[in-house]
Amino acid sequence: VDPDDVKGMKIRGGSREVDLVLKAAGAAVVSLP
């Protein structure tokens, strides 16, 4: 829900831009269709 919730999570954002937001919130991003 909140940005804090993604800290340390392996998560897919769907675009480079969403990934940047997730990284800034502390997530580990995964890129795939």
All heavy atoms as atom14 arrays in JSON, in Angstrom:
{
  "sequence": "VDPDDVKGMKIRGGSREVDLVLKAAGAAVVSLP",
  "atom14_mask": [
    [1, 1, 1, 1, 1, 1, 1, 0, 0, 0, 0, 0, 0, 0],
    [1, 1, 1, 1, 1, 1, 1, 1, 0, 0, 0, 0, 0, 0],
    [1, 1, 1, 1, 1, 1, 1, 0, 0, 0, 0, 0, 0, 0],
    [1, 1, 1, 1, 1, 1, 1, 1, 0, 0, 0, 0, 0, 0],
    [1, 1, 1, 1, 1, 1, 1, 1, 0, 0, 0, 0, 0, 0],
    [1, 1, 1, 1, 1, 1, 1, 0, 0, 0, 0, 0, 0, 0],
    [1, 1, 1, 1, 1, 1, 1, 1, 1, 0, 0, 0, 0, 0],
    [1, 1, 1, 1, 0, 0, 0, 0, 0, 0, 0, 0, 0, 0],
    [1, 1, 1, 1, 1, 1, 1, 1, 0, 0, 0, 0, 0, 0],
    [1, 1, 1, 1, 1, 1, 1, 1, 1, 0, 0, 0, 0, 0],
    [1, 1, 1, 1, 1, 1, 1, 1, 0, 0, 0, 0, 0, 0],
    [1, 1, 1, 1, 1, 1, 1, 1, 1, 1, 1, 0, 0, 0],
    [1, 1, 1, 1, 0, 0, 0, 0, 0, 0, 0, 0, 0, 0],
    [1, 1, 1, 1, 0, 0, 0, 0, 0, 0, 0, 0, 0, 0],
    [1, 1, 1, 1, 1, 1, 0, 0, 0, 0, 0, 0, 0, 0],
    [1, 1, 1, 1, 1, 1, 1, 1, 1, 1, 1, 0, 0, 0],
    [1, 1, 1, 1, 1, 1, 1, 1, 1, 0, 0, 0, 0, 0],
    [1, 1, 1, 1, 1, 1, 1, 0, 0, 0, 0, 0, 0, 0],
    [1, 1, 1, 1, 1, 1, 1, 1, 0, 0, 0, 0, 0, 0],
    [1, 1, 1, 1, 1, 1, 1, 1, 0, 0, 0, 0, 0, 0],
    [1, 1, 1, 1, 1, 1, 1, 0, 0, 0, 0, 0, 0, 0],
    [1, 1, 1, 1, 1, 1, 1, 1, 0, 0, 0, 0, 0, 0],
    [1, 1, 1, 1, 1, 1, 1, 1, 1, 0, 0, 0, 0, 0],
    [1, 1, 1, 1, 1, 0, 0, 0, 0, 0, 0, 0, 0, 0],
    [1, 1, 1, 1, 1, 0, 0, 0, 0, 0, 0, 0, 0, 0],
    [1, 1, 1, 1, 0, 0, 0, 0, 0, 0, 0, 0, 0, 0],
    [1, 1, 1, 1, 1, 0, 0, 0, 0, 0, 0, 0, 0, 0],
    [1, 1, 1, 1, 1, 0, 0, 0, 0, 0, 0, 0, 0, 0],
    [1, 1, 1, 1, 1, 1, 1, 0, 0, 0, 0, 0, 0, 0],
    [1, 1, 1, 1, 1, 1, 1, 0, 0, 0, 0, 0, 0, 0],
    [1, 1, 1, 1, 1, 1, 0, 0, 0, 0, 0, 0, 0, 0],
    [1, 1, 1, 1, 1, 1, 1, 1, 0, 0, 0, 0, 0, 0],
    [1, 1, 1, 1, 1, 1, 1, 0, 0, 0, 0, 0, 0, 0]
  ],
  "atom14_positions": [
    [[0.85, -1.2, 0.0], [0.0, 0.0, 0.0], [0.88, 1.25, 0.0], [0.96, 1.98, -0.97], [-0.96, 0.0, 1.21], [-1.87, 1.24, 1.16], [-1.8, -1.28, 1.23], [0.0, 0.0, 0.0], [0.0, 0.0, 0.0], [0.0, 0.0, 0.0], [0.0, 0.0, 0.0], [0.0, 0.0, 0.0], [0.0, 0.0, 0.0], [0.0, 0.0, 0.0]],
    [[1.58, 1.46, 1.12], [2.48, 2.61, 1.23], [3.85, 2.29, 0.63], [4.24, 1.11, 0.56], [2.67, 2.99, 2.7], [1.45, 3.69, 3.26], [1.11, 4.76, 2.72], [0.83, 3.16, 4.21], [0.0, 0.0, 0.0], [0.0, 0.0, 0.0], [0.0, 0.0, 0.0], [0.0, 0.0, 0.0], [0.0, 0.0, 0.0], [0.0, 0.0, 0.0]],
    [[4.61, 3.32, 0.25], [5.96, 3.1, -0.26], [6.84, 2.27, 0.68], [7.65, 1.45, 0.24], [6.51, 4.51, -0.45], [5.31, 5.35, -0.72], [4.22, 4.75, 0.13], [0.0, 0.0, 0.0], [0.0, 0.0, 0.0], [0.0, 0.0, 0.0], [0.0, 0.0, 0.0], [0.0, 0.0, 0.0], [0.0, 0.0, 0.0], [0.0, 0.0, 0.0]],
    [[6.66, 2.44, 1.99], [7.46, 1.69, 2.97], [7.26, 0.18, 2.86], [8.13, -0.61, 3.25], [7.1, 2.13, 4.4], [7.68, 3.49, 4.74], [8.56, 3.96, 3.99], [7.24, 4.09, 5.74], [0.0, 0.0, 0.0], [0.0, 0.0, 0.0], [0.0, 0.0, 0.0], [0.0, 0.0, 0.0], [0.0, 0.0, 0.0], [0.0, 0.0, 0.0]],
    [[6.11, -0.23, 2.33], [5.78, -1.66, 2.26], [6.68, -2.45, 1.32], [6.79, -3.67, 1.43], [4.32, -1.85, 1.82], [3.33, -1.33, 2.84], [3.66, -1.36, 4.04], [2.23, -0.89, 2.44], [0.0, 0.0, 0.0], [0.0, 0.0, 0.0], [0.0, 0.0, 0.0], [0.0, 0.0, 0.0], [0.0, 0.0, 0.0], [0.0, 0.0, 0.0]],
    [[7.33, -1.77, 0.36], [8.13, -2.5, -0.63], [9.59, -2.67, -0.23], [10.37, -3.3, -0.95], [8.06, -1.83, -2.04], [6.64, -1.76, -2.53], [8.73, -0.46, -2.04], [0.0, 0.0, 0.0], [0.0, 0.0, 0.0], [0.0, 0.0, 0.0], [0.0, 0.0, 0.0], [0.0, 0.0, 0.0], [0.0, 0.0, 0.0], [0.0, 0.0, 0.0]],
    [[9.98, -2.13, 0.92], [11.38, -2.24, 1.35], [11.82, -3.71, 1.4], [11.2, -4.53, 2.06], [11.57, -1.61, 2.73], [11.85, -0.12, 2.66], [12.1, 0.48, 4.02], [12.23, 2.01, 3.9], [12.17, 2.66, 5.21], [0.0, 0.0, 0.0], [0.0, 0.0, 0.0], [0.0, 0.0, 0.0], [0.0, 0.0, 0.0], [0.0, 0.0, 0.0]],
    [[12.89, -4.01, 0.66], [13.44, -5.36, 0.65], [12.68, -6.36, -0.2], [13.08, -7.52, -0.3], [0.0, 0.0, 0.0], [0.0, 0.0, 0.0], [0.0, 0.0, 0.0], [0.0, 0.0, 0.0], [0.0, 0.0, 0.0], [0.0, 0.0, 0.0], [0.0, 0.0, 0.0], [0.0, 0.0, 0.0], [0.0, 0.0, 0.0], [0.0, 0.0, 0.0]],
    [[11.58, -5.96, -0.82], [10.77, -6.89, -1.62], [11.32, -7.04, -3.03], [11.83, -6.09, -3.62], [9.33, -6.38, -1.75], [8.46, -6.6, -0.55], [6.73, -6.14, -0.91], [6.08, -7.71, -1.44], [0.0, 0.0, 0.0], [0.0, 0.0, 0.0], [0.0, 0.0, 0.0], [0.0, 0.0, 0.0], [0.0, 0.0, 0.0], [0.0, 0.0, 0.0]],
    [[11.2, -8.25, -3.59], [11.51, -8.48, -5.0], [10.2, -8.28, -5.75], [9.26, -9.07, -5.61], [12.04, -9.91, -5.22], [13.44, -10.14, -4.66], [13.89, -11.57, -4.87], [13.2, -12.52, -3.93], [13.68, -13.92, -4.03], [0.0, 0.0, 0.0], [0.0, 0.0, 0.0], [0.0, 0.0, 0.0], [0.0, 0.0, 0.0], [0.0, 0.0, 0.0]],
    [[10.14, -7.2, -6.51], [8.86, -6.79, -7.1], [9.01, -6.32, -8.55], [10.04, -5.74, -8.92], [8.22, -5.69, -6.21], [6.84, -5.29, -6.72], [9.11, -4.48, -6.08], [6.06, -4.42, -5.73], [0.0, 0.0, 0.0], [0.0, 0.0, 0.0], [0.0, 0.0, 0.0], [0.0, 0.0, 0.0], [0.0, 0.0, 0.0], [0.0, 0.0, 0.0]],
    [[8.01, -6.59, -9.33], [7.98, -6.17, -10.74], [7.12, -4.91, -10.86], [5.98, -4.86, -10.4], [7.36, -7.29, -11.58], [7.33, -7.02, -13.07], [5.95, -6.71, -13.58], [5.93, -6.7, -15.05], [4.93, -6.24, -15.78], [3.86, -5.73, -15.21], [4.98, -6.27, -17.09], [0.0, 0.0, 0.0], [0.0, 0.0, 0.0], [0.0, 0.0, 0.0]],
    [[7.69, -3.86, -11.49], [6.97, -2.59, -11.61], [6.25, -2.42, -12.94], [5.2, -1.79, -13.01], [0.0, 0.0, 0.0], [0.0, 0.0, 0.0], [0.0, 0.0, 0.0], [0.0, 0.0, 0.0], [0.0, 0.0, 0.0], [0.0, 0.0, 0.0], [0.0, 0.0, 0.0], [0.0, 0.0, 0.0], [0.0, 0.0, 0.0], [0.0, 0.0, 0.0]],
    [[6.84, -2.97, -14.01], [6.19, -2.89, -15.31], [6.81, -1.89, -16.27], [6.53, -1.91, -17.46], [0.0, 0.0, 0.0], [0.0, 0.0, 0.0], [0.0, 0.0, 0.0], [0.0, 0.0, 0.0], [0.0, 0.0, 0.0], [0.0, 0.0, 0.0], [0.0, 0.0, 0.0], [0.0, 0.0, 0.0], [0.0, 0.0, 0.0], [0.0, 0.0, 0.0]],
    [[7.64, -0.98, -15.76], [8.36, -0.05, -16.65], [9.58, 0.46, -15.91], [9.68, 0.36, -14.67], [7.46, 1.14, -17.05], [7.36, 2.09, -16.0], [0.0, 0.0, 0.0], [0.0, 0.0, 0.0], [0.0, 0.0, 0.0], [0.0, 0.0, 0.0], [0.0, 0.0, 0.0], [0.0, 0.0, 0.0], [0.0, 0.0, 0.0], [0.0, 0.0, 0.0]],
    [[10.5, 1.01, -16.67], [11.73, 1.56, -16.07], [11.38, 2.63, -15.05], [12.0, 2.73, -13.98], [12.6, 2.15, -17.18], [13.94, 2.68, -16.68], [14.79, 3.23, -17.83], [16.09, 3.62, -17.34], [16.34, 4.78, -16.74], [15.37, 5.65, -16.56], [17.56, 5.06, -16.31], [0.0, 0.0, 0.0], [0.0, 0.0, 0.0], [0.0, 0.0, 0.0]],
    [[10.38, 3.43, -15.37], [10.0, 4.54, -14.49], [9.4, 4.05, -13.17], [9.72, 4.57, -12.1], [9.01, 5.46, -15.23], [9.68, 6.48, -16.14], [10.51, 5.84, -17.25], [10.14, 4.76, -17.75], [11.54, 6.42, -17.62], [0.0, 0.0, 0.0], [0.0, 0.0, 0.0], [0.0, 0.0, 0.0], [0.0, 0.0, 0.0], [0.0, 0.0, 0.0]],
    [[8.53, 3.05, -13.25], [7.97, 2.49, -12.01], [9.09, 1.83, -11.2], [9.13, 1.94, -9.97], [6.85, 1.47, -12.32], [6.31, 0.87, -11.01], [5.71, 2.13, -13.08], [0.0, 0.0, 0.0], [0.0, 0.0, 0.0], [0.0, 0.0, 0.0], [0.0, 0.0, 0.0], [0.0, 0.0, 0.0], [0.0, 0.0, 0.0], [0.0, 0.0, 0.0]],
    [[10.01, 1.18, -11.89], [11.15, 0.54, -11.21], [11.99, 1.57, -10.43], [12.47, 1.28, -9.33], [12.04, -0.19, -12.22], [11.41, -1.46, -12.75], [10.35, -1.87, -12.21], [11.96, -2.04, -13.71], [0.0, 0.0, 0.0], [0.0, 0.0, 0.0], [0.0, 0.0, 0.0], [0.0, 0.0, 0.0], [0.0, 0.0, 0.0], [0.0, 0.0, 0.0]],
    [[12.16, 2.75, -11.0], [12.93, 3.8, -10.32], [12.26, 4.21, -9.01], [12.93, 4.44, -8.0], [13.07, 5.03, -11.23], [14.07, 4.92, -12.38], [13.96, 6.12, -13.31], [15.5, 4.81, -11.85], [0.0, 0.0, 0.0], [0.0, 0.0, 0.0], [0.0, 0.0, 0.0], [0.0, 0.0, 0.0], [0.0, 0.0, 0.0], [0.0, 0.0, 0.0]],
    [[10.93, 4.29, -9.05], [10.17, 4.64, -7.84], [10.31, 3.53, -6.79], [10.53, 3.79, -5.61], [8.68, 4.87, -8.19], [7.85, 5.06, -6.92], [8.53, 6.1, -9.09], [0.0, 0.0, 0.0], [0.0, 0.0, 0.0], [0.0, 0.0, 0.0], [0.0, 0.0, 0.0], [0.0, 0.0, 0.0], [0.0, 0.0, 0.0], [0.0, 0.0, 0.0]],
    [[10.19, 2.29, -7.24], [10.3, 1.15, -6.32], [11.7, 1.07, -5.7], [11.85, 0.8, -4.5], [9.98, -0.15, -7.06], [8.52, -0.33, -7.49], [8.38, -1.52, -8.42], [7.61, -0.49, -6.28], [0.0, 0.0, 0.0], [0.0, 0.0, 0.0], [0.0, 0.0, 0.0], [0.0, 0.0, 0.0], [0.0, 0.0, 0.0], [0.0, 0.0, 0.0]],
    [[12.73, 1.31, -6.53], [14.11, 1.3, -6.02], [14.29, 2.39, -4.96], [14.93, 2.17, -3.92], [15.11, 1.52, -7.16], [15.35, 0.28, -8.01], [16.32, 0.62, -9.14], [16.46, -0.54, -10.11], [17.27, -0.16, -11.29], [0.0, 0.0, 0.0], [0.0, 0.0, 0.0], [0.0, 0.0, 0.0], [0.0, 0.0, 0.0], [0.0, 0.0, 0.0]],
    [[13.73, 3.57, -5.24], [13.85, 4.68, -4.29], [13.17, 4.35, -2.97], [13.57, 4.82, -1.9], [13.24, 5.94, -4.89], [0.0, 0.0, 0.0], [0.0, 0.0, 0.0], [0.0, 0.0, 0.0], [0.0, 0.0, 0.0], [0.0, 0.0, 0.0], [0.0, 0.0, 0.0], [0.0, 0.0, 0.0], [0.0, 0.0, 0.0], [0.0, 0.0, 0.0]],
    [[12.14, 3.49, -3.04], [11.41, 3.08, -1.83], [12.07, 1.87, -1.15], [11.59, 1.4, -0.11], [9.97, 2.76, -2.18], [0.0, 0.0, 0.0], [0.0, 0.0, 0.0], [0.0, 0.0, 0.0], [0.0, 0.0, 0.0], [0.0, 0.0, 0.0], [0.0, 0.0, 0.0], [0.0, 0.0, 0.0], [0.0, 0.0, 0.0], [0.0, 0.0, 0.0]],
    [[13.17, 1.36, -1.75], [13.93, 0.29, -1.12], [13.67, -1.11, -1.64], [14.1, -2.09, -1.04], [0.0, 0.0, 0.0], [0.0, 0.0, 0.0], [0.0, 0.0, 0.0], [0.0, 0.0, 0.0], [0.0, 0.0, 0.0], [0.0, 0.0, 0.0], [0.0, 0.0, 0.0], [0.0, 0.0, 0.0], [0.0, 0.0, 0.0], [0.0, 0.0, 0.0]],
    [[12.99, -1.23, -2.78], [12.69, -2.56, -3.33], [13.81, -3.06, -4.24], [14.63, -2.29, -4.72], [11.38, -2.51, -4.12], [0.0, 0.0, 0.0], [0.0, 0.0, 0.0], [0.0, 0.0, 0.0], [0.0, 0.0, 0.0], [0.0, 0.0, 0.0], [0.0, 0.0, 0.0], [0.0, 0.0, 0.0], [0.0, 0.0, 0.0], [0.0, 0.0, 0.0]],
    [[13.82, -4.37, -4.46], [14.7, -4.98, -5.47], [13.8, -5.29, -6.67], [12.87, -6.09, -6.55], [15.31, -6.27, -4.92], [0.0, 0.0, 0.0], [0.0, 0.0, 0.0], [0.0, 0.0, 0.0], [0.0, 0.0, 0.0], [0.0, 0.0, 0.0], [0.0, 0.0, 0.0], [0.0, 0.0, 0.0], [0.0, 0.0, 0.0], [0.0, 0.0, 0.0]],
    [[14.04, -4.64, -7.8], [13.1, -4.77, -8.92], [13.45, -5.94, -9.84], [14.61, -6.3, -9.99], [13.0, -3.46, -9.74], [12.54, -2.31, -8.86], [14.31, -3.12, -10.43], [0.0, 0.0, 0.0], [0.0, 0.0, 0.0], [0.0, 0.0, 0.0], [0.0, 0.0, 0.0], [0.0, 0.0, 0.0], [0.0, 0.0, 0.0], [0.0, 0.0, 0.0]],
    [[12.39, -6.5, -10.43], [12.52, -7.58, -11.41], [11.83, -7.11, -12.69], [10.69, -6.64, -12.65], [11.84, -8.88, -10.9], [12.0, -10.0, -11.92], [12.41, -9.29, -9.55], [0.0, 0.0, 0.0], [0.0, 0.0, 0.0], [0.0, 0.0, 0.0], [0.0, 0.0, 0.0], [0.0, 0.0, 0.0], [0.0, 0.0, 0.0], [0.0, 0.0, 0.0]],
    [[12.52, -7.21, -13.83], [11.95, -6.74, -15.1], [11.58, -7.92, -15.98], [12.44, -8.74, -16.33], [12.94, -5.84, -15.84], [13.24, -4.7, -15.06], [0.0, 0.0, 0.0], [0.0, 0.0, 0.0], [0.0, 0.0, 0.0], [0.0, 0.0, 0.0], [0.0, 0.0, 0.0], [0.0, 0.0, 0.0], [0.0, 0.0, 0.0], [0.0, 0.0, 0.0]],
    [[10.31, -8.02, -16.32], [9.84, -9.04, -17.26], [8.44, -8.68, -17.75], [7.73, -7.91, -17.11], [9.83, -10.44, -16.61], [9.37, -10.62, -15.17], [7.86, -10.54, -15.06], [9.82, -11.98, -14.65], [0.0, 0.0, 0.0], [0.0, 0.0, 0.0], [0.0, 0.0, 0.0], [0.0, 0.0, 0.0], [0.0, 0.0, 0.0], [0.0, 0.0, 0.0]],
    [[8.01, -9.2, -18.91], [6.67, -8.91, -19.42], [5.6, -9.55, -18.53], [5.89, -10.5, -17.78], [6.65, -9.57, -20.81], [8.06, -9.93, -21.13], [8.77, -10.06, -19.84], [0.0, 0.0, 0.0], [0.0, 0.0, 0.0], [0.0, 0.0, 0.0], [0.0, 0.0, 0.0], [0.0, 0.0, 0.0], [0.0, 0.0, 0.0], [0.0, 0.0, 0.0]]
  ]
}
